[in-house]
N, C-alpha and C. Protein backbone atom coordinates (compact mmCIF):
# COMPACT_ATOMS: atom_id res chain seq x y z
N MET A 1 8.25 1.44 12.09
CA MET A 1 7.91 0.66 10.93
C MET A 1 8.51 1.26 9.67
N LEU A 2 8.58 2.56 9.62
CA LEU A 2 9.07 3.22 8.42
C LEU A 2 10.59 3.33 8.43
N GLN A 3 11.20 2.16 8.37
CA GLN A 3 12.65 2.07 8.36
C GLN A 3 13.08 1.30 7.13
N GLY A 4 14.30 1.49 6.75
CA GLY A 4 14.85 0.75 5.63
C GLY A 4 14.62 1.45 4.31
N LYS A 5 15.12 0.79 3.29
CA LYS A 5 15.03 1.34 1.94
C LYS A 5 14.40 0.32 1.02
N MET A 6 13.66 0.83 0.05
CA MET A 6 13.03 -0.02 -0.96
C MET A 6 13.34 0.64 -2.31
N THR A 7 13.10 -0.09 -3.37
CA THR A 7 13.39 0.44 -4.70
C THR A 7 12.08 0.75 -5.42
N SER A 8 12.00 1.95 -5.98
CA SER A 8 10.81 2.35 -6.73
C SER A 8 10.76 1.63 -8.07
N LEU A 9 9.60 1.68 -8.72
CA LEU A 9 9.49 1.09 -10.06
C LEU A 9 10.47 1.72 -11.04
N ALA A 10 10.83 2.97 -10.78
CA ALA A 10 11.78 3.67 -11.65
C ALA A 10 13.23 3.29 -11.33
N GLY A 11 13.43 2.42 -10.33
CA GLY A 11 14.77 1.97 -10.00
C GLY A 11 15.50 2.85 -9.00
N GLN A 12 14.80 3.80 -8.40
CA GLN A 12 15.41 4.70 -7.43
C GLN A 12 15.28 4.13 -6.02
N GLU A 13 16.33 4.27 -5.24
CA GLU A 13 16.27 3.84 -3.85
C GLU A 13 15.44 4.86 -3.06
N VAL A 14 14.50 4.35 -2.27
CA VAL A 14 13.61 5.22 -1.49
C VAL A 14 13.76 4.86 -0.02
N ASP A 15 14.09 5.86 0.78
CA ASP A 15 14.18 5.68 2.22
C ASP A 15 12.76 5.82 2.77
N LEU A 16 12.25 4.75 3.38
CA LEU A 16 10.87 4.76 3.86
C LEU A 16 10.63 5.80 4.96
N SER A 17 11.69 6.25 5.60
CA SER A 17 11.52 7.26 6.65
C SER A 17 10.97 8.57 6.09
N GLN A 18 11.06 8.76 4.77
CA GLN A 18 10.52 9.99 4.18
C GLN A 18 9.00 10.07 4.32
N TYR A 19 8.36 8.94 4.62
CA TYR A 19 6.90 8.92 4.77
C TYR A 19 6.46 9.17 6.21
N GLN A 20 7.42 9.29 7.12
CA GLN A 20 7.07 9.58 8.51
C GLN A 20 6.27 10.88 8.54
N GLY A 21 5.20 10.89 9.29
CA GLY A 21 4.35 12.08 9.35
C GLY A 21 3.24 12.09 8.31
N THR A 22 3.16 11.03 7.53
CA THR A 22 2.14 10.89 6.49
C THR A 22 1.22 9.73 6.84
N VAL A 23 -0.06 9.87 6.57
CA VAL A 23 -0.98 8.74 6.71
C VAL A 23 -0.82 7.91 5.44
N LEU A 24 -0.56 6.62 5.60
CA LEU A 24 -0.26 5.76 4.45
C LEU A 24 -1.30 4.66 4.28
N LEU A 25 -1.54 4.32 3.03
CA LEU A 25 -2.28 3.11 2.69
C LEU A 25 -1.31 2.26 1.89
N VAL A 26 -0.85 1.17 2.49
CA VAL A 26 0.11 0.26 1.85
C VAL A 26 -0.68 -0.90 1.25
N VAL A 27 -0.46 -1.14 -0.05
CA VAL A 27 -1.26 -2.13 -0.78
C VAL A 27 -0.36 -3.01 -1.62
N ASN A 28 -0.57 -4.33 -1.54
CA ASN A 28 0.13 -5.23 -2.47
C ASN A 28 -0.75 -5.35 -3.71
N VAL A 29 -0.20 -5.04 -4.86
CA VAL A 29 -0.96 -4.91 -6.09
C VAL A 29 -0.54 -5.92 -7.15
N ALA A 30 -1.39 -6.08 -8.15
CA ALA A 30 -1.10 -6.98 -9.27
C ALA A 30 -1.88 -6.51 -10.50
N SER A 31 -1.28 -6.65 -11.66
CA SER A 31 -1.86 -6.14 -12.90
C SER A 31 -2.87 -7.07 -13.57
N GLU A 32 -2.87 -8.34 -13.19
CA GLU A 32 -3.75 -9.31 -13.87
C GLU A 32 -4.70 -9.99 -12.89
N CYS A 33 -5.17 -9.25 -11.93
CA CYS A 33 -6.03 -9.77 -10.87
C CYS A 33 -7.46 -9.25 -11.07
N GLY A 34 -8.42 -9.98 -10.56
CA GLY A 34 -9.79 -9.50 -10.60
C GLY A 34 -9.98 -8.20 -9.84
N TYR A 35 -9.08 -7.92 -8.89
CA TYR A 35 -9.14 -6.69 -8.12
C TYR A 35 -8.34 -5.55 -8.73
N THR A 36 -7.68 -5.79 -9.86
CA THR A 36 -6.85 -4.77 -10.48
C THR A 36 -7.57 -3.44 -10.71
N PRO A 37 -8.87 -3.43 -11.04
CA PRO A 37 -9.55 -2.13 -11.18
C PRO A 37 -9.53 -1.28 -9.90
N GLN A 38 -9.13 -1.86 -8.77
CA GLN A 38 -9.00 -1.05 -7.57
C GLN A 38 -7.94 0.03 -7.71
N TYR A 39 -7.04 -0.11 -8.68
CA TYR A 39 -6.07 0.97 -8.94
C TYR A 39 -6.81 2.30 -9.13
N ARG A 40 -7.94 2.26 -9.80
CA ARG A 40 -8.72 3.48 -10.07
C ARG A 40 -9.13 4.13 -8.74
N GLY A 41 -9.65 3.32 -7.82
CA GLY A 41 -10.07 3.84 -6.53
C GLY A 41 -8.90 4.29 -5.67
N LEU A 42 -7.79 3.57 -5.73
CA LEU A 42 -6.60 3.97 -4.99
C LEU A 42 -6.10 5.34 -5.48
N GLN A 43 -6.11 5.53 -6.79
CA GLN A 43 -5.68 6.81 -7.35
C GLN A 43 -6.65 7.92 -6.93
N ALA A 44 -7.95 7.62 -6.91
CA ALA A 44 -8.95 8.61 -6.50
C ALA A 44 -8.73 9.01 -5.04
N LEU A 45 -8.42 8.05 -4.17
CA LEU A 45 -8.12 8.37 -2.77
C LEU A 45 -6.91 9.29 -2.69
N TYR A 46 -5.87 8.95 -3.43
CA TYR A 46 -4.66 9.78 -3.42
C TYR A 46 -4.98 11.18 -3.94
N ASN A 47 -5.75 11.27 -5.00
CA ASN A 47 -6.11 12.58 -5.54
C ASN A 47 -6.89 13.41 -4.52
N LYS A 48 -7.79 12.76 -3.81
CA LYS A 48 -8.66 13.47 -2.87
C LYS A 48 -7.93 13.88 -1.59
N TYR A 49 -7.11 12.99 -1.05
CA TYR A 49 -6.53 13.22 0.27
C TYR A 49 -5.03 13.52 0.28
N GLY A 50 -4.39 13.45 -0.87
CA GLY A 50 -2.94 13.65 -0.93
C GLY A 50 -2.48 14.97 -0.34
N ALA A 51 -3.22 16.04 -0.61
CA ALA A 51 -2.84 17.36 -0.09
C ALA A 51 -3.02 17.45 1.42
N SER A 52 -3.75 16.51 2.01
CA SER A 52 -3.98 16.50 3.45
C SER A 52 -2.98 15.64 4.21
N GLY A 53 -1.97 15.13 3.51
CA GLY A 53 -0.96 14.31 4.17
C GLY A 53 -1.20 12.83 4.05
N PHE A 54 -1.79 12.40 2.95
CA PHE A 54 -2.11 10.99 2.71
C PHE A 54 -1.34 10.50 1.48
N MET A 55 -0.85 9.27 1.54
CA MET A 55 -0.14 8.68 0.40
C MET A 55 -0.50 7.20 0.28
N VAL A 56 -0.62 6.75 -0.95
CA VAL A 56 -0.78 5.33 -1.25
C VAL A 56 0.59 4.82 -1.68
N LEU A 57 0.98 3.67 -1.14
CA LEU A 57 2.22 3.01 -1.55
C LEU A 57 1.84 1.66 -2.14
N GLY A 58 2.15 1.45 -3.41
CA GLY A 58 1.83 0.20 -4.10
C GLY A 58 3.04 -0.70 -4.21
N PHE A 59 2.85 -1.96 -3.81
CA PHE A 59 3.91 -2.95 -3.86
C PHE A 59 3.47 -4.13 -4.71
N PRO A 60 3.87 -4.15 -5.99
CA PRO A 60 3.52 -5.29 -6.85
C PRO A 60 4.03 -6.59 -6.26
N CYS A 61 3.23 -7.63 -6.44
CA CYS A 61 3.58 -8.94 -5.91
C CYS A 61 3.08 -10.01 -6.87
N ASN A 62 3.90 -11.00 -7.13
CA ASN A 62 3.55 -12.06 -8.06
C ASN A 62 3.27 -13.39 -7.34
N GLN A 63 3.00 -13.34 -6.05
CA GLN A 63 2.84 -14.56 -5.26
C GLN A 63 1.45 -15.17 -5.32
N PHE A 64 0.48 -14.46 -5.82
CA PHE A 64 -0.90 -14.94 -5.82
C PHE A 64 -1.35 -15.17 -7.26
N GLY A 65 -1.34 -16.41 -7.67
CA GLY A 65 -1.78 -16.76 -9.02
C GLY A 65 -0.89 -16.22 -10.12
N HIS A 66 0.33 -15.82 -9.80
CA HIS A 66 1.27 -15.25 -10.79
C HIS A 66 0.59 -14.14 -11.58
N GLN A 67 -0.12 -13.25 -10.85
CA GLN A 67 -0.90 -12.20 -11.50
C GLN A 67 -0.13 -10.89 -11.67
N GLU A 68 1.16 -10.90 -11.37
CA GLU A 68 2.01 -9.74 -11.63
C GLU A 68 3.31 -10.20 -12.26
N PRO A 69 3.23 -10.69 -13.52
CA PRO A 69 4.41 -11.27 -14.16
C PRO A 69 5.37 -10.25 -14.77
N GLY A 70 4.96 -9.02 -14.94
CA GLY A 70 5.75 -8.05 -15.70
C GLY A 70 6.98 -7.52 -14.98
N SER A 71 7.81 -6.85 -15.76
CA SER A 71 8.98 -6.15 -15.23
C SER A 71 8.52 -4.84 -14.60
N SER A 72 9.41 -4.19 -13.90
CA SER A 72 9.07 -2.89 -13.30
C SER A 72 8.60 -1.91 -14.37
N GLN A 73 9.28 -1.88 -15.50
CA GLN A 73 8.89 -0.97 -16.58
C GLN A 73 7.49 -1.32 -17.10
N GLN A 74 7.21 -2.59 -17.29
CA GLN A 74 5.89 -3.01 -17.77
C GLN A 74 4.79 -2.66 -16.76
N ILE A 75 5.08 -2.86 -15.48
CA ILE A 75 4.11 -2.53 -14.44
C ILE A 75 3.83 -1.03 -14.44
N ALA A 76 4.89 -0.23 -14.49
CA ALA A 76 4.73 1.23 -14.50
C ALA A 76 3.92 1.68 -15.71
N GLN A 77 4.21 1.13 -16.88
CA GLN A 77 3.48 1.51 -18.09
C GLN A 77 2.01 1.10 -17.98
N PHE A 78 1.74 -0.09 -17.49
CA PHE A 78 0.38 -0.57 -17.33
C PHE A 78 -0.40 0.35 -16.39
N CYS A 79 0.18 0.65 -15.24
CA CYS A 79 -0.51 1.48 -14.24
C CYS A 79 -0.80 2.88 -14.77
N GLN A 80 0.15 3.45 -15.49
CA GLN A 80 -0.04 4.78 -16.05
C GLN A 80 -1.07 4.77 -17.17
N LYS A 81 -0.94 3.83 -18.09
CA LYS A 81 -1.82 3.78 -19.25
C LYS A 81 -3.27 3.50 -18.88
N HIS A 82 -3.49 2.54 -18.00
CA HIS A 82 -4.86 2.09 -17.70
C HIS A 82 -5.52 2.82 -16.54
N TYR A 83 -4.71 3.32 -15.60
CA TYR A 83 -5.30 3.90 -14.39
C TYR A 83 -4.73 5.27 -14.02
N GLY A 84 -3.77 5.78 -14.78
CA GLY A 84 -3.21 7.10 -14.49
C GLY A 84 -2.56 7.19 -13.12
N VAL A 85 -1.95 6.11 -12.67
CA VAL A 85 -1.38 6.05 -11.32
C VAL A 85 -0.24 7.06 -11.15
N THR A 86 -0.37 7.89 -10.12
CA THR A 86 0.69 8.84 -9.78
C THR A 86 1.19 8.64 -8.36
N PHE A 87 0.53 7.76 -7.58
CA PHE A 87 1.03 7.50 -6.23
C PHE A 87 2.28 6.64 -6.33
N ASP A 88 3.02 6.53 -5.23
CA ASP A 88 4.32 5.87 -5.25
C ASP A 88 4.18 4.36 -5.40
N MET A 89 4.91 3.84 -6.37
CA MET A 89 4.92 2.41 -6.65
C MET A 89 6.36 1.90 -6.53
N PHE A 90 6.48 0.66 -6.09
CA PHE A 90 7.78 0.08 -5.82
C PHE A 90 7.99 -1.18 -6.64
N GLU A 91 9.25 -1.65 -6.66
CA GLU A 91 9.55 -2.89 -7.35
C GLU A 91 8.80 -4.05 -6.72
N LYS A 92 8.63 -5.09 -7.50
CA LYS A 92 7.96 -6.30 -7.04
C LYS A 92 8.62 -6.85 -5.78
N VAL A 93 7.77 -7.27 -4.83
CA VAL A 93 8.25 -7.84 -3.58
C VAL A 93 7.49 -9.12 -3.26
N ASP A 94 8.04 -9.90 -2.36
CA ASP A 94 7.31 -11.01 -1.76
C ASP A 94 6.70 -10.48 -0.47
N VAL A 95 5.41 -10.74 -0.29
CA VAL A 95 4.71 -10.28 0.92
C VAL A 95 4.53 -11.40 1.93
N ASN A 96 4.85 -12.62 1.55
CA ASN A 96 4.77 -13.80 2.40
C ASN A 96 6.00 -14.67 2.14
N GLY A 97 6.21 -15.64 3.00
CA GLY A 97 7.21 -16.67 2.74
C GLY A 97 8.63 -16.30 3.13
N SER A 98 9.56 -17.17 2.72
CA SER A 98 10.95 -17.04 3.14
C SER A 98 11.64 -15.82 2.56
N ASN A 99 11.14 -15.28 1.44
CA ASN A 99 11.72 -14.08 0.84
C ASN A 99 10.89 -12.83 1.10
N GLN A 100 10.02 -12.89 2.11
CA GLN A 100 9.17 -11.77 2.45
C GLN A 100 10.02 -10.52 2.73
N CYS A 101 9.66 -9.40 2.13
CA CYS A 101 10.41 -8.17 2.35
C CYS A 101 10.20 -7.69 3.79
N ASP A 102 11.15 -6.91 4.28
CA ASP A 102 11.12 -6.47 5.67
C ASP A 102 9.85 -5.67 6.00
N LEU A 103 9.40 -4.84 5.09
CA LEU A 103 8.20 -4.06 5.35
C LEU A 103 7.02 -4.97 5.65
N TYR A 104 6.81 -5.99 4.83
CA TYR A 104 5.68 -6.89 5.04
C TYR A 104 5.91 -7.83 6.22
N LYS A 105 7.17 -8.14 6.54
CA LYS A 105 7.44 -8.90 7.77
C LYS A 105 6.88 -8.12 8.95
N HIS A 106 7.14 -6.83 8.94
CA HIS A 106 6.66 -5.99 10.03
C HIS A 106 5.14 -5.83 9.99
N LEU A 107 4.59 -5.52 8.83
CA LEU A 107 3.15 -5.28 8.72
C LEU A 107 2.32 -6.47 9.17
N THR A 108 2.80 -7.67 8.91
CA THR A 108 2.03 -8.88 9.21
C THR A 108 2.37 -9.48 10.58
N SER A 109 3.29 -8.87 11.30
CA SER A 109 3.72 -9.40 12.60
C SER A 109 2.78 -8.97 13.72
N PRO A 110 2.67 -9.77 14.77
CA PRO A 110 1.87 -9.35 15.93
C PRO A 110 2.42 -8.09 16.58
N GLU A 111 3.71 -7.83 16.44
CA GLU A 111 4.32 -6.64 17.03
C GLU A 111 3.83 -5.36 16.36
N ALA A 112 3.52 -5.42 15.08
CA ALA A 112 3.04 -4.23 14.37
C ALA A 112 1.70 -3.79 14.93
N HIS A 113 0.84 -4.73 15.13
CA HIS A 113 -0.47 -4.46 15.72
C HIS A 113 -1.13 -5.81 15.94
N ALA A 114 -1.29 -6.18 17.17
CA ALA A 114 -1.80 -7.51 17.51
C ALA A 114 -3.16 -7.80 16.89
N LYS A 115 -3.90 -6.77 16.55
CA LYS A 115 -5.23 -6.96 15.99
C LYS A 115 -5.18 -7.38 14.51
N TYR A 116 -4.08 -7.11 13.82
CA TYR A 116 -4.02 -7.34 12.37
C TYR A 116 -2.86 -8.22 11.92
N PRO A 117 -2.42 -9.23 12.67
CA PRO A 117 -1.28 -10.03 12.22
C PRO A 117 -1.69 -11.12 11.22
N GLY A 118 -0.69 -11.75 10.66
CA GLY A 118 -0.93 -12.91 9.81
C GLY A 118 -0.59 -12.66 8.36
N PRO A 119 -0.44 -13.74 7.63
CA PRO A 119 -0.02 -13.64 6.23
C PRO A 119 -1.03 -12.89 5.36
N ILE A 120 -0.51 -12.35 4.28
CA ILE A 120 -1.35 -11.71 3.27
C ILE A 120 -2.10 -12.84 2.56
N GLN A 121 -3.38 -12.66 2.36
CA GLN A 121 -4.21 -13.69 1.75
C GLN A 121 -4.31 -13.59 0.23
N TRP A 122 -4.25 -12.37 -0.31
CA TRP A 122 -4.39 -12.19 -1.76
C TRP A 122 -3.94 -10.79 -2.13
N ASN A 123 -3.95 -10.51 -3.42
CA ASN A 123 -3.61 -9.19 -3.93
C ASN A 123 -4.59 -8.14 -3.39
N PHE A 124 -4.09 -6.93 -3.27
CA PHE A 124 -4.89 -5.76 -2.89
C PHE A 124 -5.37 -5.78 -1.44
N GLU A 125 -4.59 -6.41 -0.55
CA GLU A 125 -4.83 -6.20 0.88
C GLU A 125 -4.24 -4.84 1.22
N LYS A 126 -4.88 -4.17 2.18
CA LYS A 126 -4.52 -2.79 2.48
C LYS A 126 -4.24 -2.61 3.97
N PHE A 127 -3.18 -1.87 4.27
CA PHE A 127 -2.83 -1.50 5.64
C PHE A 127 -2.90 0.01 5.74
N LEU A 128 -3.64 0.51 6.71
CA LEU A 128 -3.69 1.94 6.98
C LEU A 128 -2.71 2.22 8.11
N ILE A 129 -1.81 3.15 7.88
CA ILE A 129 -0.73 3.44 8.81
C ILE A 129 -0.81 4.91 9.23
N ALA A 130 -0.76 5.13 10.53
CA ALA A 130 -0.83 6.48 11.09
C ALA A 130 0.45 7.26 10.81
N ARG A 131 0.36 8.54 11.05
CA ARG A 131 1.53 9.42 10.84
C ARG A 131 2.73 9.00 11.68
N ASP A 132 2.49 8.35 12.82
CA ASP A 132 3.59 7.92 13.68
C ASP A 132 4.12 6.53 13.30
N GLY A 133 3.57 5.95 12.22
CA GLY A 133 4.08 4.67 11.72
C GLY A 133 3.38 3.45 12.27
N THR A 134 2.36 3.62 13.09
CA THR A 134 1.65 2.46 13.63
C THR A 134 0.54 2.01 12.68
N VAL A 135 0.33 0.70 12.64
CA VAL A 135 -0.75 0.15 11.82
C VAL A 135 -2.05 0.37 12.59
N VAL A 136 -3.01 1.05 11.96
CA VAL A 136 -4.28 1.33 12.63
C VAL A 136 -5.44 0.52 12.05
N ALA A 137 -5.26 -0.06 10.87
CA ALA A 137 -6.33 -0.88 10.28
C ALA A 137 -5.75 -1.74 9.16
N ARG A 138 -6.43 -2.85 8.91
CA ARG A 138 -6.08 -3.74 7.80
C ARG A 138 -7.37 -4.12 7.11
N PHE A 139 -7.35 -4.06 5.79
CA PHE A 139 -8.53 -4.34 4.98
C PHE A 139 -8.22 -5.43 3.97
N GLY A 140 -9.13 -6.37 3.83
CA GLY A 140 -8.96 -7.45 2.87
C GLY A 140 -9.11 -6.97 1.44
N SER A 141 -8.79 -7.87 0.53
CA SER A 141 -8.82 -7.57 -0.91
C SER A 141 -10.18 -7.10 -1.39
N SER A 142 -11.24 -7.67 -0.82
CA SER A 142 -12.58 -7.35 -1.31
C SER A 142 -13.07 -5.98 -0.86
N VAL A 143 -12.35 -5.32 0.04
CA VAL A 143 -12.73 -3.98 0.47
C VAL A 143 -12.23 -2.99 -0.58
N ALA A 144 -13.15 -2.41 -1.30
CA ALA A 144 -12.81 -1.47 -2.37
C ALA A 144 -12.27 -0.16 -1.77
N PRO A 145 -11.35 0.49 -2.46
CA PRO A 145 -10.82 1.76 -1.96
C PRO A 145 -11.90 2.81 -1.68
N GLU A 146 -12.97 2.77 -2.46
CA GLU A 146 -14.03 3.77 -2.28
C GLU A 146 -15.09 3.33 -1.27
N SER A 147 -14.88 2.19 -0.62
CA SER A 147 -15.86 1.70 0.36
C SER A 147 -15.96 2.68 1.53
N LYS A 148 -17.14 2.75 2.07
CA LYS A 148 -17.40 3.66 3.20
C LYS A 148 -16.47 3.34 4.37
N THR A 149 -16.27 2.07 4.65
CA THR A 149 -15.42 1.66 5.77
C THR A 149 -13.99 2.18 5.63
N LEU A 150 -13.42 2.02 4.45
CA LEU A 150 -12.04 2.45 4.22
C LEU A 150 -11.95 3.97 4.19
N VAL A 151 -12.84 4.62 3.49
CA VAL A 151 -12.81 6.09 3.40
C VAL A 151 -12.97 6.70 4.79
N GLU A 152 -13.89 6.19 5.58
CA GLU A 152 -14.08 6.73 6.94
C GLU A 152 -12.85 6.51 7.80
N ALA A 153 -12.19 5.38 7.65
CA ALA A 153 -10.97 5.12 8.41
C ALA A 153 -9.86 6.10 8.03
N ILE A 154 -9.72 6.36 6.73
CA ILE A 154 -8.71 7.33 6.27
C ILE A 154 -9.03 8.71 6.82
N GLU A 155 -10.28 9.14 6.67
CA GLU A 155 -10.68 10.47 7.15
C GLU A 155 -10.49 10.59 8.66
N ARG A 156 -10.85 9.56 9.39
CA ARG A 156 -10.70 9.57 10.85
C ARG A 156 -9.22 9.71 11.22
N GLU A 157 -8.36 8.96 10.51
CA GLU A 157 -6.93 9.02 10.82
C GLU A 157 -6.33 10.36 10.44
N LEU A 158 -6.74 10.93 9.32
CA LEU A 158 -6.25 12.25 8.93
C LEU A 158 -6.65 13.30 9.96
N LYS A 159 -7.89 13.23 10.43
CA LYS A 159 -8.35 14.19 11.46
C LYS A 159 -7.63 13.97 12.77
N ARG A 160 -7.52 12.71 13.18
CA ARG A 160 -6.84 12.41 14.44
C ARG A 160 -5.38 12.84 14.38
N SER A 161 -4.76 12.52 13.31
CA SER A 161 -3.35 12.85 13.14
C SER A 161 -3.13 14.36 13.09
N ALA A 162 -4.04 15.07 12.43
CA ALA A 162 -3.90 16.51 12.31
C ALA A 162 -4.07 17.18 13.68
N SER A 163 -4.96 16.64 14.50
CA SER A 163 -5.22 17.25 15.81
C SER A 163 -4.09 16.99 16.80
N THR A 164 -3.32 15.93 16.57
CA THR A 164 -2.21 15.63 17.48
C THR A 164 -0.87 16.10 16.94
N ALA A 165 -0.85 16.59 15.72
CA ALA A 165 0.42 17.02 15.10
C ALA A 165 0.87 18.37 15.63
């Protein structure tokens, strides 16, 4: 799954293979959504678990209610100013439809994990990805980053991954 290249908000090309061996939470984000305050919880997760091999990857998307209208620079400034985001953020992508980026084509496919296929329903859907690149869980928009379900899944995967590494 961790193949190909994407562009960061800063305009740098990022090879996704650099995340191999890391537990990832991949999230489609938006700056003008009712769920936008989840940035705070996503940053808290990264702060808490980053040293243990965990990373949040944010992918802005403007497909749901046009709630991410800004440029990469505007998105980066917003995230830093309002939420102090330091986890990796990427340029705006399509997560559904004919222009769906390759990463989300894979994440939403039955091949990625038959238990979690299908289109993204709204902003702030979350995919938990194991160190080996497999999708181990998918969480809807309403699941807050600090929710017990999500935190336990991250902790379980970090422990599982650490014991098999």
